[in-house]
Amino acid sequence: MFSRLRRPAGHREPLPVGLDKQRVEEALEGLRRRTESTGRDRLRQLRLGLILAVQAGLAAALAWFVAHRLLHNPQPVFAPTAAVGTIVSSIGRRLRRSVELIIGVAVGVAIGDFLIVLLGTGAWQLGVVVALAITVALVVGGRGTLVAQAGGTAVLIATLSPSVGKLEYPRFVDAAVGGSIGMIVVVLLLPLNPLRAVERAAKRPGEVLADQLDAAARALTERDAAAAEQALTRLRSINQDFDQMREALSGAQEVVSLAPARWHRRQVVAAYANAVEHMDRAALNSKALIRRSVTVIEDGEPVPAELPSSIGRLAEAVRRYRREFVGRRVPREARHCALLGVSEAGTAYRRGVGLSGTVVVAQVRTVTSDLLRATGIDKDEANRLVHRVASREAEVEVTDGRGPGSQ
């Protein structure tokens, strides 16, 4: 009886009659874009990994050469280890990691050497040495690397010092040499391009915000509460994207602060820092906007055509802003598009909306103010522009001010 269920190789079931062809094509197109995007992301990750590998190899070789040939340490194992540890640490925290590494070794050496003289060696003495070294590291405000190095160094001093003489000085010097050379490599010899990681990290939150605003606009038009809820759920995931962007910014700020070859990028990196702050607020207020849109649909409130259109304008403003920012152009189109959204929301309000619809109109204005501030306009001017357009006192035109991506 099961033979009837078998299908010849290569057999495909015909699509059900009446299946929405357009939606199928859109879904396949979305899958193609995601696949291409994943491939590009992996290639970028590979390039970044290769750069880090070259930096780590160069730093390890230089650290060993300096410690062995110049400082005459016969076995400078910790110098290249410290150099590599500095290179592969979180971008944006390398300087702090290097300092913590050196301080941690110093704490471990001091505590270990003092207690060995006072207590002698043995199992319980080792436990006391490690516990006290870590306690002191925590008391001085240490975290992560500092605490680990303090404890690890204390172990080495307590176990190896009796059989290996003068271990303290070489280990401390190795830590200083390795950490310093690691920083020299990433700051002077092979500094990363500070904008590549930031621009890559900035792409995702912009796409998510624009796509979910568009989805909310469609949901309002079609009165589809489930689709609006889905857009809200997807938008909530944007927090992680902003966290990744802040981490990339931290690395870029470190590079442009320390690497002379990258000092000319300081203004652009500062502009990204301003943008991420206000785009994060725009995303937060967009969540409130979509939540109220769900209520509009569920309560059966009137939805003038201009209301979803105004939300779609915000989505387009986000996309244009990113294009203009990356192109180092004054974001006039993004500002203009966002203010058109305010104008359409005002028209929807005058045509008649319910209680939640009124809140949606207010949120469109708030998100627009956030977007204008992300483009480099100060708070007072952004609010003034939104008020003028909402009050129908002027045409929607914004050409003053330079954009944060302009040079």
Protein backbone atom coordinates (compact mmCIF):
# COMPACT_ATOMS: atom_id res chain seq x y z
CA MET A 1 0.00 0.00 0.00
CA PHE A 2 2.95 2.29 0.58
CA SER A 3 4.12 1.91 -3.01
CA ARG A 4 1.65 4.57 -4.06
CA LEU A 5 3.54 7.11 -1.92
CA ARG A 6 6.76 6.66 -3.84
CA ARG A 7 7.76 9.31 -6.37
CA PRO A 8 10.31 8.97 -9.14
CA ALA A 9 13.62 10.77 -8.69
CA GLY A 10 13.40 14.44 -9.61
CA HIS A 11 9.62 14.49 -9.24
CA ARG A 12 8.16 17.80 -8.04
CA GLU A 13 4.65 18.34 -6.77
CA PRO A 14 2.81 21.02 -8.73
CA LEU A 15 2.15 24.25 -6.86
CA PRO A 16 -1.40 24.47 -5.51
CA VAL A 17 -3.78 26.30 -7.76
CA GLY A 18 -4.37 29.86 -6.59
CA LEU A 19 -1.05 30.14 -4.72
CA ASP A 20 -0.01 33.78 -4.63
CA LYS A 21 2.77 33.80 -7.23
CA GLN A 22 3.97 37.25 -6.27
CA ARG A 23 4.50 36.24 -2.65
CA VAL A 24 6.39 33.13 -3.70
CA GLU A 25 8.68 35.21 -5.91
CA GLU A 26 9.21 37.73 -3.12
CA ALA A 27 10.07 34.95 -0.67
CA LEU A 28 12.57 33.41 -3.09
CA GLU A 29 14.09 36.79 -3.83
CA GLY A 30 14.45 37.40 -0.09
CA LEU A 31 16.15 34.02 0.29
CA ARG A 32 18.56 34.88 -2.53
CA ARG A 33 19.48 38.22 -0.93
CA ARG A 34 20.04 36.60 2.47
CA THR A 35 22.22 33.90 0.92
CA GLU A 36 24.33 36.48 -0.92
CA SER A 37 24.56 38.58 2.22
CA THR A 38 25.71 35.58 4.26
CA GLY A 39 28.39 34.79 1.69
CA ARG A 40 29.66 38.37 1.73
CA ASP A 41 29.68 38.42 5.52
CA ARG A 42 31.72 35.21 5.65
CA LEU A 43 34.21 36.62 3.15
CA ARG A 44 34.60 39.78 5.23
CA GLN A 45 35.08 37.69 8.36
CA LEU A 46 37.76 35.67 6.58
CA ARG A 47 39.56 38.85 5.52
CA LEU A 48 39.45 40.21 9.06
CA GLY A 49 40.69 36.88 10.40
CA LEU A 50 43.63 36.90 7.98
CA ILE A 51 44.57 40.42 9.05
CA LEU A 52 44.47 39.41 12.72
CA ALA A 53 46.54 36.32 11.92
CA VAL A 54 49.22 38.43 10.23
CA GLN A 55 49.20 40.90 13.13
CA ALA A 56 49.50 38.09 15.68
CA GLY A 57 52.32 36.37 13.78
CA LEU A 58 54.29 39.59 13.42
CA ALA A 59 53.75 40.54 17.07
CA ALA A 60 54.82 37.09 18.31
CA ALA A 61 58.00 37.14 16.21
CA LEU A 62 58.96 40.65 17.30
CA ALA A 63 58.23 39.93 20.98
CA TRP A 64 60.40 36.80 20.93
CA PHE A 65 63.23 38.62 19.14
CA VAL A 66 63.24 41.54 21.59
CA ALA A 67 63.01 39.37 24.71
CA HIS A 68 65.52 36.76 23.55
CA ARG A 69 68.04 38.69 21.48
CA LEU A 70 67.96 42.14 23.03
CA LEU A 71 67.02 41.36 26.65
CA HIS A 72 68.84 38.00 26.71
CA ASN A 73 65.99 35.92 28.13
CA PRO A 74 66.90 32.33 27.16
CA GLN A 75 63.28 31.13 27.16
CA PRO A 76 60.99 34.12 26.49
CA VAL A 77 57.81 32.04 26.25
CA PHE A 78 55.55 34.59 27.88
CA ALA A 79 56.56 37.53 25.67
CA PRO A 80 55.06 36.17 22.40
CA THR A 81 52.13 34.75 24.40
CA ALA A 82 51.35 38.17 25.81
CA ALA A 83 51.74 39.77 22.37
CA VAL A 84 49.29 37.33 20.77
CA GLY A 85 46.89 37.74 23.70
CA THR A 86 46.87 41.48 23.10
CA ILE A 87 46.22 41.07 19.36
CA VAL A 88 43.33 38.61 19.65
CA SER A 89 41.63 40.38 22.55
CA SER A 90 38.38 42.22 21.89
CA ILE A 91 38.92 45.04 19.43
CA GLY A 92 38.56 48.31 21.29
CA ARG A 93 39.92 46.82 24.52
CA ARG A 94 43.48 46.02 23.49
CA LEU A 95 45.12 48.90 25.32
CA ARG A 96 43.21 48.09 28.50
CA ARG A 97 44.02 44.39 28.12
CA SER A 98 47.73 45.13 27.75
CA VAL A 99 47.73 47.32 30.86
CA GLU A 100 45.73 44.72 32.80
CA LEU A 101 48.10 41.99 31.67
CA ILE A 102 51.16 43.86 32.94
CA ILE A 103 49.53 44.89 36.22
CA GLY A 104 48.22 41.36 36.78
CA VAL A 105 51.69 39.89 36.36
CA ALA A 106 53.12 42.51 38.74
CA VAL A 107 50.50 41.68 41.39
CA GLY A 108 51.10 37.94 41.03
CA VAL A 109 54.87 38.36 41.25
CA ALA A 110 54.70 40.62 44.32
CA ILE A 111 52.22 38.47 46.27
CA GLY A 112 53.81 35.19 45.28
CA ASP A 113 57.37 36.22 46.05
CA PHE A 114 56.43 37.77 49.40
CA LEU A 115 54.38 34.82 50.65
CA ILE A 116 56.90 32.21 49.55
CA VAL A 117 59.55 33.91 51.68
CA LEU A 118 57.08 34.20 54.56
CA LEU A 119 55.30 30.82 54.38
CA GLY A 120 57.52 28.56 52.33
CA THR A 121 56.27 26.20 49.62
CA GLY A 122 53.66 23.47 49.58
CA ALA A 123 50.07 22.70 48.64
CA TRP A 124 48.35 24.90 51.22
CA GLN A 125 50.87 27.70 50.65
CA LEU A 126 50.02 27.59 46.93
CA GLY A 127 46.32 27.93 47.73
CA VAL A 128 46.95 30.90 50.00
CA VAL A 129 49.20 32.61 47.43
CA VAL A 130 46.66 32.26 44.59
CA ALA A 131 43.69 33.31 46.75
CA LEU A 132 45.46 36.39 48.04
CA ALA A 133 46.77 37.39 44.59
CA ILE A 134 43.29 37.22 43.09
CA THR A 135 41.81 39.08 46.08
CA VAL A 136 44.32 41.91 45.68
CA ALA A 137 43.62 42.04 41.93
CA LEU A 138 39.89 42.38 42.63
CA VAL A 139 40.44 45.02 45.31
CA VAL A 140 42.41 47.24 42.88
CA GLY A 141 39.46 47.05 40.48
CA GLY A 142 40.76 44.28 38.25
CA ARG A 143 38.63 42.29 35.85
CA GLY A 144 39.19 39.51 33.35
CA THR A 145 42.79 39.65 32.19
CA LEU A 146 44.18 41.33 35.31
CA VAL A 147 42.67 38.76 37.68
CA ALA A 148 43.64 35.82 35.46
CA GLN A 149 47.23 36.99 35.12
CA ALA A 150 47.57 37.71 38.83
CA GLY A 151 46.38 34.20 39.71
CA GLY A 152 48.37 32.50 36.94
CA THR A 153 51.58 34.31 37.78
CA ALA A 154 51.15 33.53 41.47
CA VAL A 155 50.87 29.82 40.56
CA LEU A 156 54.08 29.94 38.53
CA ILE A 157 55.99 31.82 41.21
CA ALA A 158 54.80 29.48 43.96
CA THR A 159 55.55 26.26 42.04
CA LEU A 160 58.57 27.10 39.90
CA SER A 161 60.54 29.68 41.88
CA PRO A 162 62.08 27.11 44.24
CA SER A 163 63.56 25.18 41.28
CA VAL A 164 63.95 27.96 38.71
CA GLY A 165 65.84 30.92 40.02
CA LYS A 166 65.03 34.53 39.25
CA LEU A 167 61.70 33.76 37.54
CA GLU A 168 59.99 36.93 38.70
CA TYR A 169 61.94 39.50 36.71
CA PRO A 170 61.85 37.70 33.30
CA ARG A 171 58.09 37.07 33.55
CA PHE A 172 57.34 40.69 34.38
CA VAL A 173 59.60 41.93 31.58
CA ASP A 174 58.06 39.44 29.13
CA ALA A 175 54.58 40.71 29.99
CA ALA A 176 55.66 44.32 29.41
CA VAL A 177 57.49 43.49 26.18
CA GLY A 178 54.71 41.30 24.76
CA GLY A 179 51.87 43.67 25.60
CA SER A 180 53.77 46.70 24.32
CA ILE A 181 54.78 45.07 21.05
CA GLY A 182 51.23 43.84 20.52
CA MET A 183 50.01 47.43 20.78
CA ILE A 184 52.79 48.71 18.52
CA VAL A 185 51.77 46.25 15.81
CA VAL A 186 48.07 47.17 15.87
CA VAL A 187 48.69 50.91 16.29
CA LEU A 188 51.75 51.66 14.18
CA LEU A 189 52.75 48.77 11.94
CA LEU A 190 49.46 47.19 10.79
CA PRO A 191 46.52 49.29 12.00
CA LEU A 192 43.09 48.11 10.86
CA ASN A 193 40.85 50.34 8.79
CA PRO A 194 38.57 51.67 11.56
CA LEU A 195 35.59 52.20 9.24
CA ARG A 196 35.25 48.74 7.70
CA ALA A 197 34.03 47.01 10.83
CA VAL A 198 31.81 49.95 11.77
CA GLU A 199 30.16 50.19 8.35
CA ARG A 200 29.58 46.44 8.32
CA ALA A 201 28.07 46.51 11.80
CA ALA A 202 25.94 49.56 10.97
CA LYS A 203 24.29 47.89 7.99
CA ARG A 204 22.24 45.36 9.94
CA PRO A 205 20.35 47.63 12.39
CA GLY A 206 19.47 50.05 9.57
CA GLU A 207 18.07 47.23 7.45
CA VAL A 208 16.08 45.75 10.32
CA LEU A 209 14.57 49.11 11.31
CA ALA A 210 13.60 50.03 7.75
CA ASP A 211 12.18 46.59 6.93
CA GLN A 212 10.01 46.41 10.06
CA LEU A 213 8.69 49.95 9.59
CA ASP A 214 7.71 48.94 6.07
CA ALA A 215 6.09 45.77 7.43
CA ALA A 216 4.13 47.83 9.96
CA ALA A 217 2.94 50.18 7.22
CA ARG A 218 1.68 47.23 5.14
CA ALA A 219 0.03 45.69 8.19
CA LEU A 220 -1.86 48.92 8.86
CA THR A 221 -2.98 49.16 5.24
CA GLU A 222 -4.19 45.56 5.23
CA ARG A 223 -5.43 45.70 8.85
CA ASP A 224 -3.34 42.64 9.63
CA ALA A 225 -2.67 42.66 13.39
CA ALA A 226 -0.64 39.44 13.23
CA ALA A 227 1.73 40.94 10.65
CA ALA A 228 2.17 44.04 12.82
CA GLU A 229 2.93 41.86 15.85
CA GLN A 230 5.48 39.96 13.80
CA ALA A 231 7.16 43.22 12.77
CA LEU A 232 7.33 44.25 16.43
CA THR A 233 8.87 40.91 17.41
CA ARG A 234 11.53 41.21 14.73
CA LEU A 235 12.31 44.79 15.68
CA ARG A 236 12.95 43.74 19.27
CA SER A 237 15.96 41.75 18.05
CA ILE A 238 17.64 44.99 16.97
CA ASN A 239 19.18 45.53 20.41
CA GLN A 240 21.80 42.90 19.70
CA ASP A 241 22.65 44.59 16.39
CA PHE A 242 23.21 47.91 18.13
CA ASP A 243 25.41 46.17 20.72
CA GLN A 244 27.58 44.80 17.92
CA MET A 245 27.78 48.23 16.35
CA ARG A 246 28.89 49.77 19.65
CA GLU A 247 31.58 47.13 19.99
CA ALA A 248 32.83 47.92 16.48
CA LEU A 249 32.76 51.62 17.35
CA SER A 250 34.82 50.97 20.45
CA GLY A 251 37.50 49.37 18.29
CA ALA A 252 37.38 52.19 15.75
CA GLN A 253 37.68 54.82 18.47
CA GLU A 254 40.71 53.03 19.88
CA VAL A 255 42.38 52.93 16.46
CA VAL A 256 41.72 56.57 15.53
CA SER A 257 42.87 57.68 18.98
CA LEU A 258 46.16 55.79 18.97
CA ALA A 259 47.18 55.18 15.35
CA PRO A 260 48.60 58.30 13.64
CA ALA A 261 47.85 56.80 10.22
CA ARG A 262 44.13 56.76 11.12
CA TRP A 263 43.78 60.13 12.82
CA HIS A 264 42.10 61.62 9.74
CA ARG A 265 39.14 59.27 10.37
CA ARG A 266 38.32 60.73 13.78
CA GLN A 267 35.51 62.96 12.53
CA VAL A 268 33.73 60.16 10.68
CA VAL A 269 34.03 57.78 13.64
CA ALA A 270 32.64 60.49 15.94
CA ALA A 271 29.75 60.93 13.52
CA TYR A 272 29.00 57.21 13.69
CA ALA A 273 29.01 57.40 17.49
CA ASN A 274 26.42 60.19 17.34
CA ALA A 275 24.38 58.31 14.76
CA VAL A 276 24.18 55.06 16.70
CA GLU A 277 22.91 56.87 19.80
CA HIS A 278 20.02 58.51 17.98
CA MET A 279 19.24 55.58 15.69
CA ASP A 280 18.91 53.43 18.80
CA ARG A 281 16.37 55.91 20.13
CA ALA A 282 14.58 55.88 16.78
CA ALA A 283 14.33 52.08 17.01
CA LEU A 284 13.00 52.29 20.58
CA ASN A 285 10.31 54.80 19.57
CA SER A 286 9.52 52.74 16.46
CA LYS A 287 8.68 49.82 18.74
CA ALA A 288 6.16 52.02 20.54
CA LEU A 289 4.80 53.14 17.18
CA ILE A 290 4.25 49.56 16.01
CA ARG A 291 2.71 48.49 19.34
CA ARG A 292 0.11 51.24 18.94
CA SER A 293 -0.43 50.24 15.32
CA VAL A 294 -1.42 46.78 16.55
CA THR A 295 -3.96 48.40 18.87
CA VAL A 296 -5.31 50.55 16.02
CA ILE A 297 -6.00 47.39 14.03
CA GLU A 298 -7.40 45.35 16.90
CA ASP A 299 -9.72 48.16 18.04
CA GLY A 300 -10.96 48.81 14.51
CA GLU A 301 -9.93 52.47 14.56
CA PRO A 302 -10.00 54.44 11.30
CA VAL A 303 -6.81 54.24 9.23
CA PRO A 304 -6.53 57.08 6.71
CA ALA A 305 -4.24 56.14 3.81
CA GLU A 306 -1.73 58.79 4.90
CA LEU A 307 -1.10 57.06 8.25
CA PRO A 308 0.62 53.90 6.92
CA SER A 309 2.19 56.03 4.20
CA SER A 310 3.85 58.20 6.85
CA ILE A 311 5.40 55.09 8.44
CA GLY A 312 6.64 53.97 5.04
CA ARG A 313 8.28 57.39 4.66
CA LEU A 314 10.24 56.75 7.84
CA ALA A 315 11.46 53.42 6.47
CA GLU A 316 12.63 55.10 3.28
CA ALA A 317 14.30 57.87 5.28
CA VAL A 318 16.35 55.26 7.16
CA ARG A 319 17.51 53.69 3.89
CA ARG A 320 18.39 57.00 2.28
CA TYR A 321 20.22 58.11 5.39
CA ARG A 322 22.47 55.08 5.31
CA ARG A 323 23.25 55.55 1.60
CA GLU A 324 24.04 59.22 2.06
CA PHE A 325 26.07 58.60 5.20
CA VAL A 326 28.25 55.90 3.64
CA GLY A 327 28.66 58.13 0.56
CA ARG A 328 29.83 61.02 2.82
CA ARG A 329 27.03 63.22 1.50
CA VAL A 330 24.84 65.70 3.35
CA PRO A 331 21.72 63.61 4.14
CA ARG A 332 19.21 66.02 2.62
CA GLU A 333 17.11 63.27 1.04
CA ALA A 334 16.79 61.39 4.33
CA ARG A 335 15.74 64.56 6.18
CA HIS A 336 13.27 65.50 3.48
CA CYS A 337 11.73 62.02 3.39
CA ALA A 338 11.36 61.86 7.18
CA LEU A 339 9.63 65.25 7.29
CA LEU A 340 7.28 64.18 4.51
CA GLY A 341 6.26 61.41 6.89
CA VAL A 342 5.42 64.02 9.54
CA SER A 343 3.36 65.93 6.98
CA GLU A 344 1.39 62.84 5.96
CA ALA A 345 0.85 61.85 9.59
CA GLY A 346 -0.58 65.33 10.18
CA THR A 347 -2.94 64.89 7.23
CA ALA A 348 -4.07 61.53 8.64
CA TYR A 349 -4.74 63.17 12.01
CA ARG A 350 -6.89 65.90 10.43
CA ARG A 351 -8.86 63.30 8.47
CA GLY A 352 -9.70 61.50 11.68
CA VAL A 353 -7.97 58.84 13.75
CA GLY A 354 -8.76 57.15 17.03
CA LEU A 355 -6.94 57.33 20.35
CA SER A 356 -4.20 54.89 19.38
CA GLY A 357 -3.99 56.44 15.93
CA THR A 358 -3.23 59.75 17.60
CA VAL A 359 -0.38 58.10 19.48
CA VAL A 360 0.95 56.67 16.20
CA VAL A 361 0.97 60.19 14.73
CA ALA A 362 2.89 61.45 17.77
CA GLN A 363 5.39 58.59 17.46
CA VAL A 364 5.98 59.37 13.79
CA ARG A 365 7.02 62.86 14.88
CA THR A 366 9.24 61.50 17.66
CA VAL A 367 11.00 59.02 15.36
CA THR A 368 11.50 61.78 12.81
CA SER A 369 13.15 63.96 15.44
CA ASP A 370 15.47 61.06 16.31
CA LEU A 371 16.38 60.56 12.65
CA LEU A 372 17.06 64.27 12.16
CA ARG A 373 19.37 64.28 15.16
CA ALA A 374 21.17 61.23 13.76
CA THR A 375 21.87 63.26 10.61
CA GLY A 376 23.69 65.90 12.67
CA ILE A 377 20.93 68.40 13.47
CA ASP A 378 20.80 69.49 17.10
CA LYS A 379 17.81 68.76 19.31
CA ASP A 380 16.21 72.21 19.26
CA GLU A 381 16.47 72.55 15.48
CA ALA A 382 15.13 69.03 14.91
CA ASN A 383 12.10 69.67 17.11
CA ARG A 384 11.51 73.04 15.45
CA LEU A 385 11.50 71.47 12.00
CA VAL A 386 9.07 68.74 13.07
CA HIS A 387 6.78 71.33 14.68
CA ARG A 388 6.81 73.56 11.60
CA VAL A 389 5.87 70.71 9.30
CA ALA A 390 3.26 69.31 11.70
CA SER A 391 1.71 72.78 11.98
CA ARG A 392 1.65 73.21 8.18
CA GLU A 393 3.53 76.50 8.49
CA ALA A 394 6.08 75.74 5.82
CA GLU A 395 6.90 73.46 2.92
CA VAL A 396 8.88 70.32 3.69
CA GLU A 397 12.39 71.33 2.69
CA VAL A 398 15.61 70.84 4.61
CA THR A 399 18.90 71.82 3.01
CA ASP A 400 20.75 73.53 5.87
CA GLY A 401 23.47 71.92 7.93
CA ARG A 402 26.17 69.45 7.02
CA GLY A 403 25.65 65.75 7.42
CA PRO A 404 27.66 63.66 9.81
CA GLY A 405 29.19 61.67 6.98
CA SER A 406 30.33 64.71 5.02
CA GLN A 407 33.88 65.90 4.96
